[in-house]
Amino acid sequence: MFLNKNHRIALISVDGDPAVEIGQEEAGGQNVYVRQVGLALSKQGWQVDMFTRLSHPGQPQIVQHSANCRTIRLKAGPGQFIGRDSLFKNLPEFVAQFQKFQHSQGYSYPLIHTNYWLSSWVGMELKKQQPLLQVHTYHSLGAVKYRSIENVPEIASQRLAVEKACLETVDCVVATSPQEQKDMQFLVSKKGKIEIIPCGTQIELFGCIERSVARQHLGIAADAKMVLYVGRFDGRKGIETLVRAIAESSLRGQANLQLVIGGGSRPGQSDGIERERIENIVAQLGLKDCTSFPGRLDEAILPYYYAAADVCVVPSHYEPFGLVAIEAMASRTPVVASNVGGLKYTVVPEVTGLLVPPKHESNFASAIDRILTNPTWRDRLGEAGRQRVEADFGWDSVASRLNHLYTNLLNQNRVPSQRQPQIAA
């Protein structure tokens, strides 16, 4: 058996810091995925180093999460937040700093798991400089994303080229849903090795709070019809669609209808600007009395919001997987979601929730009303959602499947684990 379970592996997430508070600028599902995968793999015996970019002054270079899992921040450009679409020019410095770190530690990584297209470029560059295996998770595909937005960024052509090269050259790409695999094969390249391994959730964190207890804790009336959104303030998340759907709801005007839009925002940054836009729409539609913005929901309070809700809505224009959907399902809360991307895999229509076309507020309104007006069916959907998450979407289960993938790749390729890395010029 080639694999020694004390092998070090590197998870690379240039733009998604695993140690950052979720809800900050551009911090969402990718950050959660990398951190939780790292922690779960470390429990299975791996030495896990998670590499990201130093993005704020005063951040510690190393954050130790557990005995075998840590986040390592590398300098790549100025120590300040830089949006994803502007980071590419800083990637060569990230590569050089990664090599410098390896050299200072006296070891190299036999396998790296890169996340998002920026990190895939880093991984492919590292493969040119040292022997290693590369696994990659896209988290979103430019070929799909650019179909859903009006203003395509200048970096688009570069991203599309990198994503194609990645699929065709890395040792394995992890698709988080069958739909993502299809998108890769039809929109990116027919070449490449793909395995489907879904994202996960902390099953033990959700589903342990009764709705009545959660509402009492949050100060929400027992008879409220509560609709919940959780996520970043980003135009692609479709929050406007949800707000307009509530304006069309047959329950509008009733004292017990409540819309809760949970998520972090930073004044002046893109998420803060989007929140202000949404707040203006809420005001224009006369929904201020029934809408609340509680801000960033950390792990201590988030389970209460999921448990308190009658329905959780995920109205994204595109969602590669959709962690919020399985968090809600783990909390026994049914989901109404856009019929896009990984949501078509995580949400089972008429079983754990409902799927509707994106950007169609009337369809969302009808789907939300169906659940709000039928508490017995709501509870049945919620229980089925919990069962589905327990069976398929725990982080330990996800890590076990990744462990199997890594082990097979290492055994097949026998990449040396302690060879001194070359130093990039």
Protein backbone atom coordinates (compact mmCIF):
# COMPACT_ATOMS: atom_id res chain seq x y z
CA MET A 1 0.00 0.00 0.00
CA PHE A 2 1.66 3.21 -1.15
CA LEU A 3 -0.44 5.70 0.80
CA ASN A 4 0.80 6.72 4.24
CA LYS A 5 -2.08 8.45 6.02
CA ASN A 6 0.37 11.01 7.40
CA HIS A 7 0.80 12.44 3.89
CA ARG A 8 0.39 16.17 3.63
CA ILE A 9 -2.02 17.49 1.05
CA ALA A 10 -2.65 21.08 0.03
CA LEU A 11 -6.07 22.58 -0.58
CA ILE A 12 -5.59 25.76 -2.60
CA SER A 13 -8.28 28.44 -2.58
CA VAL A 14 -6.64 31.70 -3.63
CA ASP A 15 -9.79 33.81 -3.48
CA GLY A 16 -11.78 31.94 -0.82
CA ASP A 17 -10.16 32.12 2.61
CA PRO A 18 -11.21 29.07 4.69
CA ALA A 19 -10.55 30.98 7.93
CA VAL A 20 -12.57 34.10 7.11
CA GLU A 21 -16.00 34.85 8.56
CA ILE A 22 -18.68 33.79 6.11
CA GLY A 23 -20.74 36.68 4.79
CA GLN A 24 -17.84 39.04 4.21
CA GLU A 25 -17.07 40.34 0.72
CA GLU A 26 -17.20 37.41 -1.74
CA ALA A 27 -17.10 34.89 1.13
CA GLY A 28 -19.62 32.11 0.73
CA GLY A 29 -19.97 28.47 -0.27
CA GLN A 30 -16.43 28.01 -1.56
CA ASN A 31 -14.94 29.15 1.74
CA VAL A 32 -17.21 26.76 3.65
CA TYR A 33 -16.41 23.88 1.30
CA VAL A 34 -12.65 24.22 1.62
CA ARG A 35 -12.70 24.61 5.41
CA GLN A 36 -15.10 21.75 6.06
CA VAL A 37 -13.40 19.40 3.61
CA GLY A 38 -10.06 20.23 5.23
CA LEU A 39 -11.36 19.58 8.74
CA ALA A 40 -13.08 16.33 7.75
CA LEU A 41 -10.02 15.04 5.89
CA SER A 42 -7.81 15.85 8.87
CA LYS A 43 -10.05 13.69 11.06
CA GLN A 44 -9.39 10.84 8.63
CA GLY A 45 -5.64 11.11 9.13
CA TRP A 46 -4.46 13.58 6.50
CA GLN A 47 -2.15 16.49 7.28
CA VAL A 48 -4.13 19.28 5.57
CA ASP A 49 -2.70 22.68 4.67
CA MET A 50 -5.20 25.11 3.14
CA PHE A 51 -3.59 27.91 1.15
CA THR A 52 -5.25 31.23 0.44
CA ARG A 53 -4.29 34.82 -0.23
CA LEU A 54 -3.46 37.37 2.49
CA SER A 55 -6.19 39.92 1.83
CA HIS A 56 -6.23 42.25 4.83
CA PRO A 57 -3.52 43.95 6.93
CA GLY A 58 -2.93 42.28 10.25
CA GLN A 59 -4.23 38.86 9.27
CA PRO A 60 -2.17 36.03 10.82
CA GLN A 61 -0.19 34.08 8.25
CA ILE A 62 -1.20 30.76 9.80
CA VAL A 63 -4.51 29.83 11.46
CA GLN A 64 -4.50 26.45 13.19
CA HIS A 65 -7.97 24.89 13.01
CA SER A 66 -7.08 21.51 14.50
CA ALA A 67 -3.97 19.44 15.13
CA ASN A 68 -3.82 18.34 11.48
CA CYS A 69 -5.53 21.21 9.68
CA ARG A 70 -4.45 24.83 9.18
CA THR A 71 -4.96 27.80 6.87
CA ILE A 72 -1.82 29.39 5.41
CA ARG A 73 -2.10 32.86 3.90
CA LEU A 74 0.39 33.82 1.20
CA LYS A 75 1.24 37.27 -0.12
CA ALA A 76 -0.04 37.85 -3.63
CA GLY A 77 -0.40 41.51 -4.44
CA PRO A 78 -1.26 44.21 -1.90
CA GLY A 79 -2.61 43.10 1.48
CA GLN A 80 -6.16 44.23 0.78
CA PHE A 81 -9.37 42.86 -0.65
CA ILE A 82 -9.25 42.39 -4.44
CA GLY A 83 -12.28 41.13 -6.35
CA ARG A 84 -12.03 37.79 -8.13
CA ASP A 85 -12.12 39.36 -11.57
CA SER A 86 -9.01 41.42 -10.77
CA LEU A 87 -6.82 38.77 -9.11
CA PHE A 88 -5.31 36.98 -12.08
CA LYS A 89 -2.25 39.23 -12.40
CA ASN A 90 -1.28 38.38 -8.80
CA LEU A 91 -1.24 34.61 -9.31
CA PRO A 92 2.45 34.28 -10.33
CA GLU A 93 3.41 35.78 -6.96
CA PHE A 94 1.12 33.28 -5.23
CA VAL A 95 2.91 30.43 -7.03
CA ALA A 96 6.29 31.79 -6.01
CA GLN A 97 5.20 32.19 -2.38
CA PHE A 98 3.80 28.66 -2.33
CA GLN A 99 7.14 27.32 -3.54
CA LYS A 100 8.97 29.45 -1.00
CA PHE A 101 6.80 28.04 1.78
CA GLN A 102 7.45 24.47 0.70
CA HIS A 103 11.19 25.13 0.60
CA SER A 104 11.16 26.68 4.09
CA GLN A 105 9.34 23.62 5.46
CA GLY A 106 11.57 21.10 3.71
CA TYR A 107 8.81 19.15 2.02
CA SER A 108 6.55 19.29 -1.01
CA TYR A 109 2.97 18.20 -1.50
CA PRO A 110 2.31 15.05 -3.53
CA LEU A 111 -1.29 16.11 -4.18
CA ILE A 112 -3.07 19.44 -4.33
CA HIS A 113 -6.81 20.07 -4.54
CA THR A 114 -7.46 23.43 -6.20
CA ASN A 115 -10.70 25.39 -5.93
CA TYR A 116 -12.14 27.86 -8.46
CA TRP A 117 -10.50 28.71 -11.78
CA LEU A 118 -7.89 31.07 -10.31
CA SER A 119 -6.51 28.28 -8.14
CA SER A 120 -6.58 25.85 -11.06
CA TRP A 121 -4.09 28.10 -12.88
CA VAL A 122 -1.87 28.08 -9.78
CA GLY A 123 -2.03 24.29 -9.66
CA MET A 124 -1.21 23.85 -13.33
CA GLU A 125 1.79 26.16 -12.95
CA LEU A 126 3.01 24.19 -9.94
CA LYS A 127 2.74 20.95 -11.93
CA LYS A 128 5.25 22.41 -14.39
CA GLN A 129 7.75 22.96 -11.57
CA GLN A 130 7.44 19.82 -9.42
CA PRO A 131 5.91 16.35 -9.51
CA LEU A 132 2.41 16.42 -8.04
CA LEU A 133 -1.16 15.34 -8.66
CA GLN A 134 -3.90 17.92 -9.12
CA VAL A 135 -7.57 17.51 -8.27
CA HIS A 136 -9.85 20.45 -9.01
CA THR A 137 -13.32 21.70 -8.02
CA TYR A 138 -14.67 24.55 -10.16
CA HIS A 139 -17.36 25.94 -7.77
CA SER A 140 -18.71 27.80 -10.79
CA LEU A 141 -18.13 27.62 -14.52
CA GLY A 142 -17.51 30.73 -16.58
CA ALA A 143 -19.26 29.09 -19.55
CA VAL A 144 -22.45 28.92 -17.49
CA LYS A 145 -22.07 32.05 -15.40
CA TYR A 146 -21.52 34.38 -18.35
CA ARG A 147 -24.80 33.24 -19.88
CA SER A 148 -26.68 34.62 -16.87
CA ILE A 149 -25.15 38.11 -16.61
CA GLU A 150 -25.37 41.16 -18.83
CA ASN A 151 -21.92 42.69 -18.23
CA VAL A 152 -19.27 40.09 -18.98
CA PRO A 153 -15.93 41.06 -17.38
CA GLU A 154 -12.73 41.59 -19.34
CA ILE A 155 -11.18 38.53 -17.70
CA ALA A 156 -13.82 36.25 -19.27
CA SER A 157 -11.74 34.98 -22.18
CA GLN A 158 -8.81 34.22 -19.88
CA ARG A 159 -11.06 32.37 -17.47
CA LEU A 160 -12.68 30.27 -20.18
CA ALA A 161 -9.29 29.26 -21.57
CA VAL A 162 -7.97 28.31 -18.11
CA GLU A 163 -11.09 26.29 -17.29
CA LYS A 164 -10.77 24.36 -20.54
CA ALA A 165 -7.06 23.66 -19.98
CA CYS A 166 -7.82 22.56 -16.43
CA LEU A 167 -10.46 20.02 -17.42
CA GLU A 168 -8.22 18.59 -20.13
CA THR A 169 -4.98 18.35 -18.13
CA VAL A 170 -5.47 17.89 -14.37
CA ASP A 171 -5.59 14.42 -12.87
CA CYS A 172 -9.26 14.61 -11.86
CA VAL A 173 -12.01 17.22 -11.73
CA VAL A 174 -14.64 16.91 -9.00
CA ALA A 175 -18.16 17.82 -10.11
CA THR A 176 -20.51 18.54 -7.22
CA SER A 177 -23.63 17.45 -9.13
CA PRO A 178 -24.61 15.55 -12.29
CA GLN A 179 -25.70 18.86 -13.85
CA GLU A 180 -22.26 20.36 -13.31
CA GLN A 181 -20.69 17.32 -14.97
CA LYS A 182 -22.97 17.78 -17.97
CA ASP A 183 -22.10 21.49 -18.16
CA MET A 184 -18.40 20.65 -18.17
CA GLN A 185 -18.73 18.07 -20.93
CA PHE A 186 -21.00 20.14 -23.18
CA LEU A 187 -19.75 23.68 -22.54
CA VAL A 188 -16.07 23.31 -21.57
CA SER A 189 -14.53 20.17 -23.09
CA LYS A 190 -15.38 16.53 -23.77
CA LYS A 191 -11.90 15.57 -22.56
CA GLY A 192 -10.87 15.02 -18.97
CA LYS A 193 -11.56 12.75 -16.00
CA ILE A 194 -14.57 13.76 -13.88
CA GLU A 195 -15.90 12.27 -10.66
CA ILE A 196 -19.12 13.40 -8.97
CA ILE A 197 -18.67 14.11 -5.25
CA PRO A 198 -21.25 16.49 -3.76
CA CYS A 199 -20.71 19.26 -1.26
CA GLY A 200 -21.79 18.65 2.32
CA THR A 201 -23.09 20.26 5.46
CA GLN A 202 -22.55 19.96 9.21
CA ILE A 203 -25.42 17.61 9.91
CA GLU A 204 -24.94 17.87 13.66
CA LEU A 205 -25.23 21.69 13.54
CA PHE A 206 -28.72 21.72 12.05
CA GLY A 207 -32.02 20.00 12.73
CA CYS A 208 -31.86 19.91 16.53
CA ILE A 209 -34.06 22.93 17.29
CA GLU A 210 -37.86 22.91 17.31
CA ARG A 211 -39.58 25.64 15.30
CA SER A 212 -41.36 27.00 18.37
CA VAL A 213 -38.11 27.17 20.36
CA ALA A 214 -36.29 28.90 17.50
CA ARG A 215 -39.04 31.49 17.11
CA GLN A 216 -39.13 32.25 20.78
CA HIS A 217 -35.34 32.70 20.75
CA LEU A 218 -35.53 35.08 17.76
CA GLY A 219 -38.63 36.94 18.87
CA ILE A 220 -40.73 35.72 15.94
CA ALA A 221 -44.45 35.16 16.46
CA ALA A 222 -45.61 31.56 16.69
CA ASP A 223 -48.24 32.11 13.97
CA ALA A 224 -45.90 33.93 11.51
CA LYS A 225 -45.52 32.70 7.95
CA MET A 226 -41.75 33.09 7.71
CA VAL A 227 -39.87 33.09 4.40
CA LEU A 228 -36.07 32.98 4.71
CA TYR A 229 -33.19 33.90 2.42
CA VAL A 230 -29.60 33.23 3.51
CA GLY A 231 -26.56 34.26 1.48
CA ARG A 232 -24.45 37.02 0.08
CA PHE A 233 -25.85 40.20 -1.38
CA ASP A 234 -25.05 39.63 -5.04
CA GLY A 235 -27.20 40.34 -8.07
CA ARG A 236 -26.75 36.75 -9.29
CA LYS A 237 -28.32 35.43 -6.08
CA GLY A 238 -31.74 36.60 -7.24
CA ILE A 239 -32.84 38.37 -4.05
CA GLU A 240 -34.84 40.85 -6.12
CA THR A 241 -36.86 37.97 -7.56
CA LEU A 242 -37.71 36.81 -4.04
CA VAL A 243 -38.75 40.29 -2.90
CA ARG A 244 -41.02 40.75 -5.90
CA ALA A 245 -42.46 37.26 -5.33
CA ILE A 246 -43.42 38.24 -1.78
CA ALA A 247 -45.10 41.34 -3.20
CA GLU A 248 -47.22 38.99 -5.37
CA SER A 249 -47.96 36.50 -2.59
CA SER A 250 -51.60 35.76 -1.86
CA LEU A 251 -50.68 36.20 1.80
CA ARG A 252 -49.45 39.75 1.36
CA GLY A 253 -51.13 42.14 3.71
CA GLN A 254 -51.65 39.53 6.37
CA ALA A 255 -49.99 40.44 9.62
CA ASN A 256 -48.20 37.13 9.95
CA LEU A 257 -46.25 37.15 6.64
CA GLN A 258 -42.54 37.80 7.26
CA LEU A 259 -39.59 37.90 4.89
CA VAL A 260 -36.15 37.56 6.49
CA ILE A 261 -33.14 38.34 4.27
CA GLY A 262 -30.04 37.16 6.15
CA GLY A 263 -26.50 37.86 5.03
CA GLY A 264 -23.50 40.07 5.64
CA SER A 265 -22.80 43.33 3.89
CA ARG A 266 -20.05 45.92 3.96
CA PRO A 267 -20.99 49.55 3.27
CA GLY A 268 -19.42 50.81 0.05
CA GLN A 269 -18.43 47.35 -1.16
CA SER A 270 -20.34 45.43 -3.83
CA ASP A 271 -22.41 43.45 -1.33
CA GLY A 272 -23.29 46.60 0.61
CA ILE A 273 -24.35 48.33 -2.61
CA GLU A 274 -26.55 45.36 -3.52
CA ARG A 275 -28.14 45.36 -0.07
CA GLU A 276 -29.01 49.04 -0.45
CA ARG A 277 -30.56 48.30 -3.84
CA ILE A 278 -32.66 45.49 -2.37
CA GLU A 279 -33.74 47.67 0.56
CA ASN A 280 -34.90 50.33 -1.92
CA ILE A 281 -36.97 47.75 -3.82
CA VAL A 282 -38.50 46.55 -0.54
CA ALA A 283 -39.48 50.14 0.25
CA GLN A 284 -40.86 50.78 -3.24
CA LEU A 285 -43.05 47.68 -3.02
CA GLY A 286 -44.38 48.61 0.41
CA LEU A 287 -42.83 45.59 2.13
CA LYS A 288 -40.81 47.33 4.86
CA ASP A 289 -43.23 46.31 7.61
CA CYS A 290 -42.87 42.60 6.84
CA THR A 291 -39.18 42.46 5.82
CA SER A 292 -36.12 42.31 8.08
CA PHE A 293 -32.37 42.31 7.42
CA PRO A 294 -30.64 40.67 10.41
CA GLY A 295 -27.17 40.89 8.83
CA ARG A 296 -24.49 38.22 8.92
CA LEU A 297 -25.70 34.98 10.52
CA ASP A 298 -22.87 33.07 12.17
CA GLU A 299 -22.91 29.41 13.18
CA ALA A 300 -24.28 30.26 16.61
CA ILE A 301 -27.47 31.88 15.32
CA LEU A 302 -27.94 30.47 11.79
CA PRO A 303 -29.52 27.15 12.93
CA TYR A 304 -32.23 29.12 14.74
CA TYR A 305 -33.18 31.02 11.57
CA TYR A 306 -33.38 27.85 9.49
CA ALA A 307 -35.43 26.13 12.19
CA ALA A 308 -37.79 29.10 12.58
CA ALA A 309 -38.58 29.39 8.85
CA ASP A 310 -41.55 27.83 7.11
CA VAL A 311 -39.66 27.86 3.82
CA CYS A 312 -36.14 28.77 2.69
CA VAL A 313 -35.85 30.31 -0.77
CA VAL A 314 -32.77 30.01 -3.00
CA PRO A 315 -33.61 32.20 -6.04
CA SER A 316 -30.13 32.17 -7.64
CA HIS A 317 -29.73 32.79 -11.36
CA TYR A 318 -27.02 30.11 -11.31
CA GLU A 319 -25.80 27.90 -8.48
CA PRO A 320 -23.17 25.17 -9.05
CA PHE A 321 -24.31 23.33 -5.93
CA GLY A 322 -26.17 25.43 -3.35
CA LEU A 323 -25.05 24.85 0.25
CA VAL A 324 -27.93 26.91 1.63
CA ALA A 325 -30.42 24.41 0.20
CA ILE A 326 -28.92 21.44 2.03
CA GLU A 327 -28.44 23.46 5.24
CA ALA A 328 -32.15 24.27 5.17
CA MET A 329 -33.05 20.67 4.37
CA ALA A 330 -30.84 19.49 7.25
CA SER A 331 -32.91 21.82 9.44
CA ARG A 332 -36.16 20.17 8.27
CA THR A 333 -37.13 23.31 6.38
CA PRO A 334 -38.46 22.86 2.82
CA VAL A 335 -36.77 24.71 -0.03
CA VAL A 336 -38.08 26.68 -2.99
CA ALA A 337 -35.19 27.10 -5.42
CA SER A 338 -34.35 28.06 -8.97
CA ASN A 339 -34.31 25.17 -11.39
CA VAL A 340 -30.62 25.67 -12.20
CA GLY A 341 -27.24 24.01 -11.72
CA GLY A 342 -26.73 21.87 -8.64
CA LEU A 343 -30.07 22.91 -7.16
CA LYS A 344 -31.70 20.50 -9.62
CA TYR A 345 -29.73 17.76 -7.84
CA THR A 346 -30.00 18.79 -4.19
CA VAL A 347 -33.72 19.69 -4.16
CA VAL A 348 -36.10 16.89 -5.11
CA PRO A 349 -39.29 18.48 -6.51
CA GLU A 350 -42.46 17.70 -4.54
CA VAL A 351 -40.33 15.63 -2.08
CA THR A 352 -37.96 18.05 -0.31
CA GLY A 353 -39.20 21.29 -1.85
CA LEU A 354 -40.05 22.91 -5.17
CA LEU A 355 -38.06 24.05 -8.21
CA VAL A 356 -39.14 26.97 -10.39
CA PRO A 357 -37.59 28.89 -13.31
CA PRO A 358 -35.08 31.56 -12.25
CA LYS A 359 -36.14 35.23 -12.35
CA HIS A 360 -39.86 34.31 -12.47
CA GLU A 361 -41.34 36.05 -9.46
CA SER A 362 -44.88 34.80 -10.15
CA ASN A 363 -43.69 31.19 -10.13
CA PHE A 364 -41.77 31.78 -6.92
CA ALA A 365 -44.81 33.42 -5.35
CA SER A 366 -47.02 30.44 -6.22
CA ALA A 367 -44.47 27.91 -4.95
CA ILE A 368 -43.94 29.79 -1.68
CA ASP A 369 -47.67 30.12 -1.13
CA ARG A 370 -48.21 26.37 -1.69
CA ILE A 371 -45.94 25.58 1.24
CA LEU A 372 -47.04 28.43 3.52
CA THR A 373 -50.70 27.47 3.22
CA ASN A 374 -50.18 23.75 3.90
CA PRO A 375 -48.33 23.19 7.21
CA THR A 376 -48.80 19.41 7.10
CA TRP A 377 -47.18 19.18 3.68
CA ARG A 378 -44.50 21.64 4.82
CA ASP A 379 -43.53 19.30 7.64
CA ARG A 380 -43.51 16.28 5.34
CA LEU A 381 -41.21 18.05 2.88
CA GLY A 382 -38.95 19.10 5.75
CA GLU A 383 -38.60 15.59 7.15
CA ALA A 384 -37.79 14.18 3.70
CA GLY A 385 -35.16 16.87 3.27
CA ARG A 386 -33.49 15.91 6.55
CA GLN A 387 -33.42 12.24 5.54
CA ARG A 388 -31.87 13.12 2.17
CA VAL A 389 -29.11 15.19 3.76
CA GLU A 390 -28.31 12.52 6.35
CA ALA A 391 -27.96 9.94 3.59
CA ASP A 392 -25.88 11.90 1.07
CA PHE A 393 -24.52 15.24 2.24
CA GLY A 394 -22.55 14.93 5.49
CA TRP A 395 -19.00 16.32 5.38
CA ASP A 396 -17.57 13.05 6.72
CA SER A 397 -19.19 11.23 3.81
CA VAL A 398 -17.84 13.80 1.33
CA ALA A 399 -14.36 13.53 2.85
CA SER A 400 -14.48 9.73 2.68
CA ARG A 401 -15.16 9.89 -1.05
CA LEU A 402 -12.37 12.43 -1.55
CA ASN A 403 -10.08 10.26 0.56
CA HIS A 404 -10.82 7.33 -1.74
CA LEU A 405 -10.13 9.48 -4.82
CA TYR A 406 -6.84 10.84 -3.43
CA THR A 407 -5.71 7.38 -2.32
CA ASN A 408 -6.35 5.83 -5.72
CA LEU A 409 -4.55 8.64 -7.54
CA LEU A 410 -1.52 8.45 -5.26
CA ASN A 411 -1.34 4.67 -5.45
CA GLN A 412 -1.61 4.72 -9.23
CA ASN A 413 0.95 7.46 -9.77
CA ARG A 414 3.37 7.07 -6.84
CA VAL A 415 4.26 10.75 -6.65
CA PRO A 416 7.12 11.26 -4.14
CA SER A 417 5.93 13.17 -1.06
CA GLN A 418 9.17 14.53 0.40
CA ARG A 419 11.05 15.69 -2.66
CA GLN A 420 12.52 19.18 -2.27
CA PRO A 421 10.54 21.55 -4.54
CA GLN A 422 12.15 23.72 -7.15
CA ILE A 423 12.11 27.43 -6.45
CA ALA A 424 10.38 29.52 -9.09
CA ALA A 425 12.53 32.28 -10.49
